[in-house]
Amino acid sequence: MEFENVNRGYDALEKNEDSFLLDAWKQGRTASLVDACMRS
């Protein structure tokens, strides 16, 4: 299950595998609401 989307509507989304963006997300540097939630 963790390797498949529960909602099949997400299957069509393109997957961005940019390591720079992934590292920024891991470090909480994307200036998004998700970053704020990860820090708290």
C-alpha atoms as a PDB file:
ATOM      1  CA  MET A   1       0.000   0.000   0.000  1.00  0.00           C
ATOM      2  CA  GLU A   2       2.758   2.499   0.779  1.00  0.00           C
ATOM      3  CA  PHE A   3       4.020   2.225  -2.776  1.00  0.00           C
ATOM      4  CA  GLU A   4       0.687   2.901  -4.464  1.00  0.00           C
ATOM      5  CA  ASN A   5      -1.637   5.892  -4.331  1.00  0.00           C
ATOM      6  CA  VAL A   6      -4.884   5.271  -2.491  1.00  0.00           C
ATOM      7  CA  ASN A   7      -6.505   7.899  -4.709  1.00  0.00           C
ATOM      8  CA  ARG A   8      -5.831   6.897  -8.335  1.00  0.00           C
ATOM      9  CA  GLY A   9      -6.160  10.553  -9.366  1.00  0.00           C
ATOM     10  CA  TYR A  10      -2.580  11.051  -8.133  1.00  0.00           C
ATOM     11  CA  ASP A  11      -1.176   8.417 -10.510  1.00  0.00           C
ATOM     12  CA  ALA A  12      -1.084  10.923 -13.373  1.00  0.00           C
ATOM     13  CA  LEU A  13       1.056  13.457 -11.486  1.00  0.00           C
ATOM     14  CA  GLU A  14       4.615  13.829 -12.707  1.00  0.00           C
ATOM     15  CA  LYS A  15       7.254  12.919 -10.163  1.00  0.00           C
ATOM     16  CA  ASN A  16       9.974  15.515  -9.739  1.00  0.00           C
ATOM     17  CA  GLU A  17      13.232  13.864  -8.691  1.00  0.00           C
ATOM     18  CA  ASP A  18      15.343  17.017  -8.389  1.00  0.00           C
ATOM     19  CA  SER A  19      17.802  16.294  -5.557  1.00  0.00           C
ATOM     20  CA  PHE A  20      18.250  20.031  -4.828  1.00  0.00           C
ATOM     21  CA  LEU A  21      14.524  20.454  -4.172  1.00  0.00           C
ATOM     22  CA  LEU A  22      14.357  17.253  -2.148  1.00  0.00           C
ATOM     23  CA  ASP A  23      17.253  18.387   0.058  1.00  0.00           C
ATOM     24  CA  ALA A  24      15.619  21.809   0.519  1.00  0.00           C
ATOM     25  CA  TRP A  25      12.400  20.095   1.601  1.00  0.00           C
ATOM     26  CA  LYS A  26      14.263  17.807   4.031  1.00  0.00           C
ATOM     27  CA  GLN A  27      15.931  20.842   5.613  1.00  0.00           C
ATOM     28  CA  GLY A  28      12.705  22.878   5.753  1.00  0.00           C
ATOM     29  CA  ARG A  29      13.842  25.530   3.266  1.00  0.00           C
ATOM     30  CA  THR A  30      10.941  25.568   0.798  1.00  0.00           C
ATOM     31  CA  ALA A  31       8.984  28.325   2.587  1.00  0.00           C
ATOM     32  CA  SER A  32       5.816  26.287   2.639  1.00  0.00           C
ATOM     33  CA  LEU A  33       3.211  25.461   5.244  1.00  0.00           C
ATOM     34  CA  VAL A  34       4.571  21.913   5.278  1.00  0.00           C
ATOM     35  CA  ASP A  35       7.975  23.221   6.384  1.00  0.00           C
ATOM     36  CA  ALA A  36       6.384  25.133   9.235  1.00  0.00           C
ATOM     37  CA  CYS A  37       4.535  22.009  10.367  1.00  0.00           C
ATOM     38  CA  MET A  38       7.689  19.892  10.153  1.00  0.00           C
ATOM     39  CA  ARG A  39       9.578  22.356  12.387  1.00  0.00           C
ATOM     40  CA  SER A  40       6.991  22.399  15.141  1.00  0.00           C
END
